[in-house]
Amino acid sequence: MKFVFAMTFILLQTGAFKEHQQKFDRVKQAYTEKEEVVRGYFRQRRVKFEGFHLFIRAFKKEQKLEAWVCEKGKDEYTLLAIYNFCSSSGVLGPKRKEGDLQIPEGIYQINHFNPQSNFHLSLGINYPNASDKILSDQRHPGGAIYIHGNCVTVGCIPITDDKIKELYILAVEARNNGQTSIPVHIFPSALDPTSFSTLQTEYKNTPALLTFWKGLEPIYTDFEKTKKLRAVHVNKKGEYHF
C-alpha cells in the first residue's frame, strides 16, 4: 500500500498522470477527437486551459451535469459546459442501500479513473462518503457509482460515450495539474428558493427527505452567490455543514 501511494504521489507531482492515462486506447482516442473541442470551450469562456481545476455539479430532476473550471491562481469558478444525463434510475432522494437504483445525493469527489470501463470511460465517485456511512444501510450501502458513457444506469450518471470523452479529458487534465480532489456535488434539483419551494410542496409528506435537502441548500446557495468552493464537513449525525 505504501508503494502504491508513493507511486501515485510521484505521478501527480511530475505531471505524468496524463501520460499514463494516454497509454489506454480509449483515452488516446478521446484526446484525438475531443481535445480541441475542450480547448475551444476555454477560449469561448476566456479561461486559461493551463493549470485549471475542475468542479462537477449534477442535478437529478433536471438531468443536467455541469463542468466548472477555475483558472490557476484564482478561486472563482466559471461554467464551462453542461451535459445531459442520457438515462436515469431511481427517484429524487439520496442513495441509502445496495440495489435501490438511486443516484446518490450529497458532496463527493472523483476517486477512480477507469479508462477500460464497460461503459466506455468512467469516473468513480466516493460513495459511500462520510455522511452515507452514517445514514445508509450499515451492512449493504452499495457502491461502484460512476459518471460514465453509454446510456444505461442502475444508480450512476451516464452522459453518452461522446460527452464522457470531454469530461474525462477535463478530469485527466485537472488531476495532471495536481488537483488531487475533484469535487462532485449531486443535488435532487436546483435548490434556489423557487425550486426548493416546489420540492417542499411535492414532498410535504416526507419530512426526513426535506430535512436532508435543507442541509444541502446552503452549499448550493453559497456557490451560486460566490462561485467559490468552501470546505464541507460531516457531523456525527451525518449532516453536511461548513
C-alpha atoms as a PDB file:
ATOM      1  CA  MET A   1       0.000   0.000   0.000  1.00  0.00           C
ATOM      2  CA  LYS A   2       2.823   2.420   0.854  1.00  0.00           C
ATOM      3  CA  PHE A   3       4.455   1.690  -2.507  1.00  0.00           C
ATOM      4  CA  VAL A   4       1.219   2.306  -4.427  1.00  0.00           C
ATOM      5  CA  PHE A   5       0.650   5.583  -2.586  1.00  0.00           C
ATOM      6  CA  ALA A   6       4.210   6.695  -3.288  1.00  0.00           C
ATOM      7  CA  MET A   7       3.892   5.917  -6.990  1.00  0.00           C
ATOM      8  CA  THR A   8       0.583   7.809  -7.196  1.00  0.00           C
ATOM      9  CA  PHE A   9       2.168  10.788  -5.478  1.00  0.00           C
ATOM     10  CA  ILE A  10       5.077  10.746  -7.920  1.00  0.00           C
ATOM     11  CA  LEU A  11       2.712  10.606 -10.885  1.00  0.00           C
ATOM     12  CA  LEU A  12       0.843  13.634  -9.597  1.00  0.00           C
ATOM     13  CA  GLN A  13       3.956  15.607  -8.740  1.00  0.00           C
ATOM     14  CA  THR A  14       5.652  15.040 -12.077  1.00  0.00           C
ATOM     15  CA  GLY A  15       2.543  15.626 -14.173  1.00  0.00           C
ATOM     16  CA  ALA A  16       2.790  12.089 -15.544  1.00  0.00           C
ATOM     17  CA  PHE A  17      -0.827  11.170 -14.790  1.00  0.00           C
ATOM     18  CA  LYS A  18      -1.931  12.303 -18.266  1.00  0.00           C
ATOM     19  CA  GLU A  19       0.901  10.382 -19.901  1.00  0.00           C
ATOM     20  CA  HIS A  20      -0.132   7.234 -18.053  1.00  0.00           C
ATOM     21  CA  GLN A  21      -3.803   7.628 -18.982  1.00  0.00           C
ATOM     22  CA  GLN A  22      -2.984   8.167 -22.646  1.00  0.00           C
ATOM     23  CA  LYS A  23      -1.444   4.713 -22.793  1.00  0.00           C
ATOM     24  CA  PHE A  24      -5.026   3.422 -22.926  1.00  0.00           C
ATOM     25  CA  ASP A  25      -6.582   3.382 -26.396  1.00  0.00           C
ATOM     26  CA  ARG A  26      -9.893   4.954 -25.392  1.00  0.00           C
ATOM     27  CA  VAL A  27      -8.214   7.864 -23.652  1.00  0.00           C
ATOM     28  CA  LYS A  28      -5.855   8.378 -26.578  1.00  0.00           C
ATOM     29  CA  GLN A  29      -8.865   8.340 -28.923  1.00  0.00           C
ATOM     30  CA  ALA A  30     -10.726  10.800 -26.704  1.00  0.00           C
ATOM     31  CA  TYR A  31      -7.821  13.237 -26.907  1.00  0.00           C
ATOM     32  CA  THR A  32      -7.588  12.820 -30.690  1.00  0.00           C
ATOM     33  CA  GLU A  33     -11.290  13.509 -31.170  1.00  0.00           C
ATOM     34  CA  LYS A  34     -12.077  15.940 -28.390  1.00  0.00           C
ATOM     35  CA  GLU A  35      -9.041  17.828 -27.087  1.00  0.00           C
ATOM     36  CA  GLU A  36      -9.533  20.720 -29.490  1.00  0.00           C
ATOM     37  CA  VAL A  37     -13.264  20.806 -28.706  1.00  0.00           C
ATOM     38  CA  VAL A  38     -12.481  21.060 -24.986  1.00  0.00           C
ATOM     39  CA  ARG A  39      -9.862  23.737 -25.559  1.00  0.00           C
ATOM     40  CA  GLY A  40     -12.449  25.616 -27.606  1.00  0.00           C
ATOM     41  CA  TYR A  41     -14.740  25.781 -24.562  1.00  0.00           C
ATOM     42  CA  PHE A  42     -11.943  27.524 -22.655  1.00  0.00           C
ATOM     43  CA  ARG A  43     -11.377  30.030 -25.432  1.00  0.00           C
ATOM     44  CA  GLN A  44     -15.099  30.783 -25.596  1.00  0.00           C
ATOM     45  CA  ARG A  45     -15.205  31.408 -21.841  1.00  0.00           C
ATOM     46  CA  ARG A  46     -11.878  33.279 -21.886  1.00  0.00           C
ATOM     47  CA  VAL A  47     -10.425  30.915 -19.316  1.00  0.00           C
ATOM     48  CA  LYS A  48      -6.835  29.695 -19.472  1.00  0.00           C
ATOM     49  CA  PHE A  49      -6.516  25.988 -20.149  1.00  0.00           C
ATOM     50  CA  GLU A  50      -3.147  25.527 -18.470  1.00  0.00           C
ATOM     51  CA  GLY A  51      -3.304  24.617 -14.791  1.00  0.00           C
ATOM     52  CA  PHE A  52      -7.092  24.742 -14.261  1.00  0.00           C
ATOM     53  CA  HIS A  53      -9.035  22.917 -11.550  1.00  0.00           C
ATOM     54  CA  LEU A  54     -12.372  21.163 -12.119  1.00  0.00           C
ATOM     55  CA  PHE A  55     -15.671  21.065 -10.216  1.00  0.00           C
ATOM     56  CA  ILE A  56     -18.608  18.868 -11.266  1.00  0.00           C
ATOM     57  CA  ARG A  57     -22.201  19.589 -10.248  1.00  0.00           C
ATOM     58  CA  ALA A  58     -25.238  17.456 -11.126  1.00  0.00           C
ATOM     59  CA  PHE A  59     -28.993  17.885 -10.803  1.00  0.00           C
ATOM     60  CA  LYS A  60     -31.172  14.781 -10.858  1.00  0.00           C
ATOM     61  CA  LYS A  61     -34.544  16.367 -11.587  1.00  0.00           C
ATOM     62  CA  GLU A  62     -33.206  18.494 -14.437  1.00  0.00           C
ATOM     63  CA  GLN A  63     -30.920  15.609 -15.540  1.00  0.00           C
ATOM     64  CA  LYS A  64     -28.045  18.015 -16.101  1.00  0.00           C
ATOM     65  CA  LEU A  65     -24.358  17.730 -15.270  1.00  0.00           C
ATOM     66  CA  GLU A  66     -22.249  20.889 -15.153  1.00  0.00           C
ATOM     67  CA  ALA A  67     -18.487  21.170 -15.575  1.00  0.00           C
ATOM     68  CA  TRP A  68     -16.993  24.238 -13.850  1.00  0.00           C
ATOM     69  CA  VAL A  69     -13.350  25.279 -14.072  1.00  0.00           C
ATOM     70  CA  CYS A  70     -11.132  27.585 -12.053  1.00  0.00           C
ATOM     71  CA  GLU A  71      -8.070  29.232 -13.567  1.00  0.00           C
ATOM     72  CA  LYS A  72      -4.711  28.634 -11.941  1.00  0.00           C
ATOM     73  CA  GLY A  73      -4.115  31.265  -9.279  1.00  0.00           C
ATOM     74  CA  LYS A  74      -7.794  32.162  -8.918  1.00  0.00           C
ATOM     75  CA  ASP A  75     -10.562  30.893  -6.645  1.00  0.00           C
ATOM     76  CA  GLU A  76     -13.750  31.622  -8.619  1.00  0.00           C
ATOM     77  CA  TYR A  77     -15.183  29.002 -10.952  1.00  0.00           C
ATOM     78  CA  THR A  78     -16.578  29.523 -14.455  1.00  0.00           C
ATOM     79  CA  LEU A  79     -19.247  27.305 -16.018  1.00  0.00           C
ATOM     80  CA  LEU A  80     -17.545  25.559 -18.923  1.00  0.00           C
ATOM     81  CA  ALA A  81     -20.050  23.015 -20.238  1.00  0.00           C
ATOM     82  CA  ILE A  82     -23.399  21.387 -19.450  1.00  0.00           C
ATOM     83  CA  TYR A  83     -24.072  17.743 -20.287  1.00  0.00           C
ATOM     84  CA  ASN A  84     -27.432  15.959 -20.318  1.00  0.00           C
ATOM     85  CA  PHE A  85     -27.983  12.693 -18.496  1.00  0.00           C
ATOM     86  CA  CYS A  86     -28.931  10.252 -21.255  1.00  0.00           C
ATOM     87  CA  SER A  87     -30.628   7.876 -18.820  1.00  0.00           C
ATOM     88  CA  SER A  88     -31.587   7.831 -15.152  1.00  0.00           C
ATOM     89  CA  SER A  89     -32.793   5.467 -12.455  1.00  0.00           C
ATOM     90  CA  GLY A  90     -34.479   5.700  -9.083  1.00  0.00           C
ATOM     91  CA  VAL A  91     -36.263   8.777  -7.767  1.00  0.00           C
ATOM     92  CA  LEU A  92     -35.311  12.020  -6.025  1.00  0.00           C
ATOM     93  CA  GLY A  93     -33.607  11.360  -2.717  1.00  0.00           C
ATOM     94  CA  PRO A  94     -30.219  10.017  -1.601  1.00  0.00           C
ATOM     95  CA  LYS A  95     -28.895   6.514  -2.120  1.00  0.00           C
ATOM     96  CA  ARG A  96     -29.252   4.502   1.046  1.00  0.00           C
ATOM     97  CA  LYS A  97     -28.962   0.810   0.156  1.00  0.00           C
ATOM     98  CA  GLU A  98     -27.398  -1.546  -2.329  1.00  0.00           C
ATOM     99  CA  GLY A  99     -29.836  -2.278  -5.136  1.00  0.00           C
ATOM    100  CA  ASP A 100     -32.134   0.702  -4.537  1.00  0.00           C
ATOM    101  CA  LEU A 101     -31.247   2.084  -8.021  1.00  0.00           C
ATOM    102  CA  GLN A 102     -30.720   5.538  -6.527  1.00  0.00           C
ATOM    103  CA  ILE A 103     -28.246   8.072  -7.844  1.00  0.00           C
ATOM    104  CA  PRO A 104     -26.555   9.417  -4.689  1.00  0.00           C
ATOM    105  CA  GLU A 105     -27.105  12.959  -3.442  1.00  0.00           C
ATOM    106  CA  GLY A 106     -24.513  14.854  -1.477  1.00  0.00           C
ATOM    107  CA  ILE A 107     -20.922  16.083  -1.556  1.00  0.00           C
ATOM    108  CA  TYR A 108     -18.463  13.741  -3.216  1.00  0.00           C
ATOM    109  CA  GLN A 109     -15.208  13.629  -5.127  1.00  0.00           C
ATOM    110  CA  ILE A 110     -13.745  11.665  -8.016  1.00  0.00           C
ATOM    111  CA  ASN A 111     -11.838   8.695  -6.605  1.00  0.00           C
ATOM    112  CA  HIS A 112     -11.291   6.469  -9.640  1.00  0.00           C
ATOM    113  CA  PHE A 113     -10.419   6.871 -13.314  1.00  0.00           C
ATOM    114  CA  ASN A 114     -11.436   3.853 -15.390  1.00  0.00           C
ATOM    115  CA  PRO A 115     -10.096   4.041 -18.966  1.00  0.00           C
ATOM    116  CA  GLN A 116     -11.267   0.497 -19.716  1.00  0.00           C
ATOM    117  CA  SER A 117     -14.827   0.756 -18.414  1.00  0.00           C
ATOM    118  CA  ASN A 118     -17.679  -1.397 -19.657  1.00  0.00           C
ATOM    119  CA  PHE A 119     -19.329   1.973 -20.259  1.00  0.00           C
ATOM    120  CA  HIS A 120     -16.548   3.364 -22.475  1.00  0.00           C
ATOM    121  CA  LEU A 121     -14.852   5.718 -19.967  1.00  0.00           C
ATOM    122  CA  SER A 122     -15.892   6.309 -16.382  1.00  0.00           C
ATOM    123  CA  LEU A 123     -15.130   8.494 -13.384  1.00  0.00           C
ATOM    124  CA  GLY A 124     -15.898   6.979  -9.992  1.00  0.00           C
ATOM    125  CA  ILE A 125     -17.267   8.973  -7.075  1.00  0.00           C
ATOM    126  CA  ASN A 126     -16.559   8.153  -3.437  1.00  0.00           C
ATOM    127  CA  TYR A 127     -19.970   6.811  -2.464  1.00  0.00           C
ATOM    128  CA  PRO A 128     -20.464   5.907   0.341  1.00  0.00           C
ATOM    129  CA  ASN A 129     -18.891   9.043   1.765  1.00  0.00           C
ATOM    130  CA  ALA A 130     -18.671  10.017   5.449  1.00  0.00           C
ATOM    131  CA  SER A 131     -22.335  11.054   5.548  1.00  0.00           C
ATOM    132  CA  ASP A 132     -23.556   7.957   3.721  1.00  0.00           C
ATOM    133  CA  LYS A 133     -21.652   5.682   6.066  1.00  0.00           C
ATOM    134  CA  ILE A 134     -23.732   7.093   8.911  1.00  0.00           C
ATOM    135  CA  LEU A 135     -27.117   7.400   7.201  1.00  0.00           C
ATOM    136  CA  SER A 136     -27.126   4.480   4.760  1.00  0.00           C
ATOM    137  CA  ASP A 137     -27.590   0.768   5.362  1.00  0.00           C
ATOM    138  CA  GLN A 138     -24.688  -0.243   7.586  1.00  0.00           C
ATOM    139  CA  ARG A 139     -24.153  -3.648   6.007  1.00  0.00           C
ATOM    140  CA  HIS A 140     -25.043  -3.093   2.364  1.00  0.00           C
ATOM    141  CA  PRO A 141     -24.897   0.597   1.402  1.00  0.00           C
ATOM    142  CA  GLY A 142     -23.936  -0.171  -2.187  1.00  0.00           C
ATOM    143  CA  GLY A 143     -21.090   1.310  -4.178  1.00  0.00           C
ATOM    144  CA  ALA A 144     -19.388   1.483  -7.587  1.00  0.00           C
ATOM    145  CA  ILE A 145     -21.126   4.719  -8.568  1.00  0.00           C
ATOM    146  CA  TYR A 146     -19.718   6.350 -11.697  1.00  0.00           C
ATOM    147  CA  ILE A 147     -20.200   9.118 -14.206  1.00  0.00           C
ATOM    148  CA  HIS A 148     -19.772   7.241 -17.450  1.00  0.00           C
ATOM    149  CA  GLY A 149     -20.568   6.788 -21.119  1.00  0.00           C
ATOM    150  CA  ASN A 150     -23.282   4.626 -22.669  1.00  0.00           C
ATOM    151  CA  CYS A 151     -26.929   5.248 -21.734  1.00  0.00           C
ATOM    152  CA  VAL A 152     -27.777   2.630 -19.127  1.00  0.00           C
ATOM    153  CA  THR A 153     -27.709   3.052 -15.354  1.00  0.00           C
ATOM    154  CA  VAL A 154     -28.601   1.456 -12.036  1.00  0.00           C
ATOM    155  CA  GLY A 155     -27.577   4.437  -9.924  1.00  0.00           C
ATOM    156  CA  CYS A 156     -24.804   6.015 -11.990  1.00  0.00           C
ATOM    157  CA  ILE A 157     -24.862   9.129 -14.202  1.00  0.00           C
ATOM    158  CA  PRO A 158     -24.479   8.309 -17.920  1.00  0.00           C
ATOM    159  CA  ILE A 159     -23.815  11.153 -20.404  1.00  0.00           C
ATOM    160  CA  THR A 160     -23.116   9.201 -23.669  1.00  0.00           C
ATOM    161  CA  ASP A 161     -19.804   7.941 -24.995  1.00  0.00           C
ATOM    162  CA  ASP A 162     -19.335  11.168 -26.945  1.00  0.00           C
ATOM    163  CA  LYS A 163     -19.656  13.503 -23.956  1.00  0.00           C
ATOM    164  CA  ILE A 164     -17.782  11.365 -21.436  1.00  0.00           C
ATOM    165  CA  LYS A 165     -14.733  11.800 -23.675  1.00  0.00           C
ATOM    166  CA  GLU A 166     -14.844  15.545 -22.985  1.00  0.00           C
ATOM    167  CA  LEU A 167     -15.446  15.218 -19.260  1.00  0.00           C
ATOM    168  CA  TYR A 168     -12.777  12.547 -18.933  1.00  0.00           C
ATOM    169  CA  ILE A 169     -10.233  14.826 -20.629  1.00  0.00           C
ATOM    170  CA  LEU A 170     -11.166  17.626 -18.214  1.00  0.00           C
ATOM    171  CA  ALA A 171     -10.713  15.308 -15.238  1.00  0.00           C
ATOM    172  CA  VAL A 172      -7.391  13.940 -16.512  1.00  0.00           C
ATOM    173  CA  GLU A 173      -6.061  17.443 -17.129  1.00  0.00           C
ATOM    174  CA  ALA A 174      -7.178  18.639 -13.691  1.00  0.00           C
ATOM    175  CA  ARG A 175      -5.577  15.651 -11.967  1.00  0.00           C
ATOM    176  CA  ASN A 176      -2.454  16.104 -14.063  1.00  0.00           C
ATOM    177  CA  ASN A 177      -2.363  19.723 -12.861  1.00  0.00           C
ATOM    178  CA  GLY A 178      -2.093  18.418  -9.309  1.00  0.00           C
ATOM    179  CA  GLN A 179      -5.774  18.590  -8.299  1.00  0.00           C
ATOM    180  CA  THR A 180      -5.890  15.562  -6.043  1.00  0.00           C
ATOM    181  CA  SER A 181      -9.535  16.141  -5.070  1.00  0.00           C
ATOM    182  CA  ILE A 182     -12.056  16.832  -7.846  1.00  0.00           C
ATOM    183  CA  PRO A 183     -15.332  17.745  -6.084  1.00  0.00           C
ATOM    184  CA  VAL A 184     -18.680  16.416  -7.276  1.00  0.00           C
ATOM    185  CA  HIS A 185     -21.889  17.884  -5.816  1.00  0.00           C
ATOM    186  CA  ILE A 186     -25.078  15.970  -6.622  1.00  0.00           C
ATOM    187  CA  PHE A 187     -28.400  17.662  -5.824  1.00  0.00           C
ATOM    188  CA  PRO A 188     -32.007  16.476  -6.199  1.00  0.00           C
ATOM    189  CA  SER A 189     -32.623  19.629  -8.255  1.00  0.00           C
ATOM    190  CA  ALA A 190     -31.516  23.226  -8.263  1.00  0.00           C
ATOM    191  CA  LEU A 191     -32.076  24.486  -4.716  1.00  0.00           C
ATOM    192  CA  ASP A 192     -32.904  28.127  -5.385  1.00  0.00           C
ATOM    193  CA  PRO A 193     -35.936  29.442  -3.433  1.00  0.00           C
ATOM    194  CA  THR A 194     -38.437  28.676  -6.201  1.00  0.00           C
ATOM    195  CA  SER A 195     -37.169  25.155  -6.864  1.00  0.00           C
ATOM    196  CA  PHE A 196     -36.869  24.332  -3.172  1.00  0.00           C
ATOM    197  CA  SER A 197     -40.398  25.587  -2.570  1.00  0.00           C
ATOM    198  CA  THR A 198     -41.593  23.195  -5.279  1.00  0.00           C
ATOM    199  CA  LEU A 199     -39.801  20.324  -3.571  1.00  0.00           C
ATOM    200  CA  GLN A 200     -41.390  21.278  -0.239  1.00  0.00           C
ATOM    201  CA  THR A 201     -44.822  21.119  -1.840  1.00  0.00           C
ATOM    202  CA  GLU A 202     -44.254  17.880  -3.736  1.00  0.00           C
ATOM    203  CA  TYR A 203     -42.573  16.096  -0.801  1.00  0.00           C
ATOM    204  CA  LYS A 204     -44.516  17.547   2.119  1.00  0.00           C
ATOM    205  CA  ASN A 205     -45.323  14.028   3.344  1.00  0.00           C
ATOM    206  CA  THR A 206     -41.653  13.046   3.573  1.00  0.00           C
ATOM    207  CA  PRO A 207     -40.202  15.419   6.188  1.00  0.00           C
ATOM    208  CA  ALA A 208     -36.974  13.428   6.603  1.00  0.00           C
ATOM    209  CA  LEU A 209     -36.205  13.918   2.922  1.00  0.00           C
ATOM    210  CA  LEU A 210     -36.898  17.639   3.147  1.00  0.00           C
ATOM    211  CA  THR A 211     -34.624  17.883   6.172  1.00  0.00           C
ATOM    212  CA  PHE A 212     -31.817  16.205   4.228  1.00  0.00           C
ATOM    213  CA  TRP A 213     -32.297  18.586   1.296  1.00  0.00           C
ATOM    214  CA  LYS A 214     -32.404  21.546   3.672  1.00  0.00           C
ATOM    215  CA  GLY A 215     -28.896  20.550   4.726  1.00  0.00           C
ATOM    216  CA  LEU A 216     -27.725  20.706   1.098  1.00  0.00           C
ATOM    217  CA  GLU A 217     -29.378  24.051   0.375  1.00  0.00           C
ATOM    218  CA  PRO A 218     -26.683  26.286   1.997  1.00  0.00           C
ATOM    219  CA  ILE A 219     -23.974  24.534  -0.009  1.00  0.00           C
ATOM    220  CA  TYR A 220     -25.845  25.130  -3.253  1.00  0.00           C
ATOM    221  CA  THR A 221     -26.659  28.746  -2.337  1.00  0.00           C
ATOM    222  CA  ASP A 222     -23.135  29.627  -1.230  1.00  0.00           C
ATOM    223  CA  PHE A 223     -21.648  28.504  -4.528  1.00  0.00           C
ATOM    224  CA  GLU A 224     -24.357  30.277  -6.511  1.00  0.00           C
ATOM    225  CA  LYS A 225     -23.517  33.536  -4.751  1.00  0.00           C
ATOM    226  CA  THR A 226     -19.726  33.330  -4.684  1.00  0.00           C
ATOM    227  CA  LYS A 227     -18.712  30.847  -7.411  1.00  0.00           C
ATOM    228  CA  LYS A 228     -16.195  29.633  -4.829  1.00  0.00           C
ATOM    229  CA  LEU A 229     -15.977  26.249  -3.126  1.00  0.00           C
ATOM    230  CA  ARG A 230     -15.843  26.103   0.659  1.00  0.00           C
ATOM    231  CA  ALA A 231     -14.807  23.035   2.609  1.00  0.00           C
ATOM    232  CA  VAL A 232     -17.822  20.928   3.603  1.00  0.00           C
ATOM    233  CA  HIS A 233     -17.779  18.802   6.753  1.00  0.00           C
ATOM    234  CA  VAL A 234     -19.970  15.999   8.119  1.00  0.00           C
ATOM    235  CA  ASN A 235     -21.076  15.875  11.757  1.00  0.00           C
ATOM    236  CA  LYS A 236     -21.840  12.825  13.896  1.00  0.00           C
ATOM    237  CA  LYS A 237     -25.435  12.786  12.631  1.00  0.00           C
ATOM    238  CA  GLY A 238     -24.283  12.551   9.021  1.00  0.00           C
ATOM    239  CA  GLU A 239     -25.326  16.154   8.313  1.00  0.00           C
ATOM    240  CA  TYR A 240     -23.354  18.383   5.960  1.00  0.00           C
ATOM    241  CA  HIS A 241     -22.129  21.755   7.233  1.00  0.00           C
ATOM    242  CA  PHE A 242     -19.479  24.394   6.564  1.00  0.00           C
END
